[in-house]
Amino acid sequence: MSRVDDLNRILRTLQSGTPDIEASALVSEDGLMIASALPQHVQEVRVAGMSSTLLSLGMRAATELGRGGLEQVLIRGSNGYVVMAKAKSGTMLLTLTTKDAKLGLIFLDMSRAVEDIDRIL
């Protein structure tokens, strides 16, 4: 099994174990899609590019506002959340959740997935 297959398995496991997560992706800091479990209608290139931009902005804001190193980015929309967690391997785990998602559980499950991702990368 390849590393990409292993990463895709982690994403599928994350989604199947956390019903409030509707989609997930692993994106490099420079905006390249590494692995994804996104719906068919979602363009991977756009998701990767937006994620990279948000990560860059979040890192700059956290640093300049004295909040330390960036760990997560959280966006709340009327239809749900976009949650991004930075991994040690220069990647970022992105999830799309329902609007009623239990964020504590989402954060915990994403943290575990990031640990698994870091072991592979």
Foldseek 3Di string as FASTA:
>chain_A
DDLQVVLQVLQVCLCVVFVFWPWKFKEALVQHTRYIDDDPVDDSSVVSVVVNVVQVVQQVCCVVVVVPGDAWDWDQDPAFIWIWGDAPVRMIMITTGGNPGPVVVNVVSVVVSSVVSVVSD
